[in-house]
Amino acid sequence: MSAGHPDAPLYPVHRVWEEARLVTQRENNLEASRALVLQMTVLSVLTGSKDAQSAFKDMIEGLKDDD
């Protein structure tokens, strides 16, 4: 229900399992994205590399893109 399904108690069991799988998949993808952002942040700070900083900036811009 916390993932936007206030009527989940009324769903058939098979639908609840499918929705739970989708929520888990979405949350795992979010955590993977956060890990990537953290890794690129550390890399760009520690190396001071212009390429790393540029890649970090491009990644952040891509995440903010509304398309």
N, C-alpha and C. Protein backbone atom coordinates (compact mmCIF):
# COMPACT_ATOMS: atom_id res chain seq x y z
N MET A 1 0.82 -1.19 0.00
CA MET A 1 0.00 0.00 0.00
C MET A 1 0.86 1.26 0.00
N SER A 2 2.04 1.18 0.57
CA SER A 2 2.90 2.36 0.63
C SER A 2 3.42 2.76 -0.74
N ALA A 3 3.32 1.87 -1.71
CA ALA A 3 3.82 2.17 -3.05
C ALA A 3 2.69 2.63 -3.97
N GLY A 4 1.64 3.18 -3.40
CA GLY A 4 0.59 3.76 -4.21
C GLY A 4 -0.58 2.84 -4.52
N HIS A 5 -0.82 1.86 -3.69
CA HIS A 5 -1.93 0.94 -3.91
C HIS A 5 -2.83 0.88 -2.68
N PRO A 6 -3.65 1.92 -2.48
CA PRO A 6 -4.50 1.95 -1.29
C PRO A 6 -5.56 0.84 -1.30
N ASP A 7 -5.89 0.30 -2.48
CA ASP A 7 -6.90 -0.76 -2.56
C ASP A 7 -6.28 -2.15 -2.57
N ALA A 8 -5.00 -2.25 -2.26
CA ALA A 8 -4.32 -3.55 -2.30
C ALA A 8 -5.01 -4.63 -1.48
N PRO A 9 -5.59 -4.32 -0.33
CA PRO A 9 -6.27 -5.39 0.42
C PRO A 9 -7.43 -6.03 -0.35
N LEU A 10 -7.92 -5.34 -1.36
CA LEU A 10 -9.04 -5.87 -2.15
C LEU A 10 -8.60 -6.65 -3.38
N TYR A 11 -7.29 -6.63 -3.69
CA TYR A 11 -6.78 -7.31 -4.88
C TYR A 11 -6.79 -8.82 -4.67
N PRO A 12 -6.95 -9.57 -5.78
CA PRO A 12 -6.75 -11.03 -5.70
C PRO A 12 -5.29 -11.32 -5.36
N VAL A 13 -5.03 -12.45 -4.74
CA VAL A 13 -3.69 -12.79 -4.27
C VAL A 13 -2.66 -12.74 -5.40
N HIS A 14 -2.97 -13.27 -6.56
CA HIS A 14 -2.00 -13.27 -7.66
C HIS A 14 -1.61 -11.86 -8.07
N ARG A 15 -2.55 -10.92 -7.99
CA ARG A 15 -2.23 -9.54 -8.35
C ARG A 15 -1.35 -8.89 -7.28
N VAL A 16 -1.59 -9.22 -6.03
CA VAL A 16 -0.75 -8.69 -4.95
C VAL A 16 0.69 -9.14 -5.14
N TRP A 17 0.90 -10.42 -5.48
CA TRP A 17 2.26 -10.93 -5.70
C TRP A 17 2.91 -10.23 -6.88
N GLU A 18 2.16 -10.01 -7.94
CA GLU A 18 2.71 -9.34 -9.12
C GLU A 18 3.06 -7.89 -8.80
N GLU A 19 2.18 -7.21 -8.09
CA GLU A 19 2.46 -5.82 -7.70
C GLU A 19 3.67 -5.75 -6.77
N ALA A 20 3.77 -6.69 -5.86
CA ALA A 20 4.92 -6.72 -4.94
C ALA A 20 6.22 -6.92 -5.72
N ARG A 21 6.18 -7.79 -6.73
CA ARG A 21 7.36 -8.02 -7.56
C ARG A 21 7.75 -6.75 -8.30
N LEU A 22 6.77 -6.04 -8.84
CA LEU A 22 7.05 -4.80 -9.56
C LEU A 22 7.62 -3.72 -8.64
N VAL A 23 7.07 -3.61 -7.44
CA VAL A 23 7.57 -2.62 -6.47
C VAL A 23 9.01 -2.96 -6.08
N THR A 24 9.28 -4.24 -5.83
CA THR A 24 10.63 -4.66 -5.47
C THR A 24 11.60 -4.36 -6.59
N GLN A 25 11.20 -4.62 -7.81
CA GLN A 25 12.04 -4.35 -8.98
C GLN A 25 12.34 -2.85 -9.09
N ARG A 26 11.31 -2.03 -8.91
CA ARG A 26 11.48 -0.58 -9.00
C ARG A 26 12.39 -0.06 -7.89
N GLU A 27 12.22 -0.56 -6.68
CA GLU A 27 13.06 -0.12 -5.56
C GLU A 27 14.50 -0.58 -5.73
N ASN A 28 14.71 -1.79 -6.25
CA ASN A 28 16.07 -2.26 -6.51
C ASN A 28 16.76 -1.42 -7.57
N ASN A 29 16.03 -1.05 -8.61
CA ASN A 29 16.59 -0.18 -9.65
C ASN A 29 16.94 1.20 -9.09
N LEU A 30 16.11 1.71 -8.20
CA LEU A 30 16.40 2.99 -7.56
C LEU A 30 17.67 2.90 -6.73
N GLU A 31 17.84 1.84 -5.97
CA GLU A 31 19.05 1.66 -5.16
C GLU A 31 20.29 1.52 -6.04
N ALA A 32 20.17 0.82 -7.16
CA ALA A 32 21.30 0.69 -8.08
C ALA A 32 21.68 2.05 -8.65
N SER A 33 20.68 2.87 -8.97
CA SER A 33 20.95 4.22 -9.48
C SER A 33 21.64 5.07 -8.42
N ARG A 34 21.19 4.94 -7.18
CA ARG A 34 21.81 5.71 -6.10
C ARG A 34 23.27 5.29 -5.91
N ALA A 35 23.52 3.99 -6.00
CA ALA A 35 24.89 3.50 -5.85
C ALA A 35 25.78 4.04 -6.97
N LEU A 36 25.25 4.07 -8.18
CA LEU A 36 26.01 4.59 -9.31
C LEU A 36 26.31 6.08 -9.13
N VAL A 37 25.33 6.83 -8.67
CA VAL A 37 25.55 8.26 -8.43
C VAL A 37 26.62 8.45 -7.36
N LEU A 38 26.55 7.68 -6.29
CA LEU A 38 27.55 7.78 -5.22
C LEU A 38 28.95 7.43 -5.74
N GLN A 39 29.02 6.36 -6.51
CA GLN A 39 30.32 5.94 -7.06
C GLN A 39 30.91 7.02 -7.96
N MET A 40 30.08 7.58 -8.83
CA MET A 40 30.59 8.62 -9.73
C MET A 40 30.94 9.90 -8.98
N THR A 41 30.21 10.20 -7.90
CA THR A 41 30.53 11.36 -7.08
C THR A 41 31.91 11.20 -6.47
N VAL A 42 32.14 10.06 -5.85
CA VAL A 42 33.44 9.80 -5.21
C VAL A 42 34.56 9.83 -6.24
N LEU A 43 34.34 9.20 -7.38
CA LEU A 43 35.35 9.17 -8.43
C LEU A 43 35.70 10.57 -8.91
N SER A 44 34.69 11.39 -9.13
CA SER A 44 34.97 12.73 -9.65
C SER A 44 35.65 13.61 -8.59
N VAL A 45 35.34 13.39 -7.32
CA VAL A 45 35.97 14.19 -6.26
C VAL A 45 37.40 13.73 -6.00
N LEU A 46 37.59 12.43 -5.88
CA LEU A 46 38.90 11.91 -5.52
C LEU A 46 39.94 12.04 -6.64
N THR A 47 39.50 11.85 -7.87
CA THR A 47 40.47 11.91 -8.97
C THR A 47 40.70 13.33 -9.45
N GLY A 48 39.68 14.17 -9.31
CA GLY A 48 39.80 15.53 -9.83
C GLY A 48 39.86 15.56 -11.34
N SER A 49 39.60 14.43 -11.97
CA SER A 49 39.66 14.31 -13.42
C SER A 49 38.53 15.10 -14.08
N LYS A 50 38.88 15.87 -15.07
CA LYS A 50 37.87 16.62 -15.82
C LYS A 50 36.90 15.66 -16.51
N ASP A 51 37.41 14.52 -17.00
CA ASP A 51 36.55 13.53 -17.65
C ASP A 51 35.53 12.96 -16.66
N ALA A 52 35.98 12.65 -15.44
CA ALA A 52 35.09 12.10 -14.42
C ALA A 52 34.06 13.15 -14.01
N GLN A 53 34.49 14.39 -13.87
CA GLN A 53 33.57 15.46 -13.50
C GLN A 53 32.54 15.70 -14.59
N SER A 54 32.99 15.64 -15.83
CA SER A 54 32.08 15.82 -16.96
C SER A 54 31.07 14.67 -17.04
N ALA A 55 31.54 13.45 -16.84
CA ALA A 55 30.65 12.29 -16.86
C ALA A 55 29.62 12.38 -15.74
N PHE A 56 30.07 12.83 -14.56
CA PHE A 56 29.15 13.00 -13.44
C PHE A 56 28.08 14.04 -13.77
N LYS A 57 28.52 15.17 -14.31
CA LYS A 57 27.58 16.24 -14.67
C LYS A 57 26.58 15.74 -15.72
N ASP A 58 27.06 15.00 -16.72
CA ASP A 58 26.18 14.47 -17.76
C ASP A 58 25.17 13.49 -17.17
N MET A 59 25.63 12.65 -16.23
CA MET A 59 24.72 11.69 -15.62
C MET A 59 23.63 12.40 -14.83
N ILE A 60 24.01 13.42 -14.07
CA ILE A 60 23.03 14.17 -13.28
C ILE A 60 22.03 14.86 -14.21
N GLU A 61 22.52 15.45 -15.27
CA GLU A 61 21.62 16.10 -16.24
C GLU A 61 20.65 15.08 -16.85
N GLY A 62 21.16 13.88 -17.14
CA GLY A 62 20.31 12.82 -17.68
C GLY A 62 19.23 12.39 -16.69
N LEU A 63 19.57 12.38 -15.41
CA LEU A 63 18.59 12.02 -14.38
C LEU A 63 17.53 13.10 -14.22
N LYS A 64 17.91 14.35 -14.46
CA LYS A 64 16.98 15.47 -14.33
C LYS A 64 16.14 15.67 -15.58
N ASP A 65 16.50 15.04 -16.67
CA ASP A 65 15.81 15.21 -17.94
C ASP A 65 14.35 14.79 -17.81
N ASP A 66 13.45 15.65 -18.26
CA ASP A 66 12.02 15.39 -18.15
C ASP A 66 11.43 14.65 -19.35
N ASP A 67 12.24 14.33 -20.33
CA ASP A 67 11.72 13.66 -21.53
C ASP A 67 11.31 12.25 -21.27
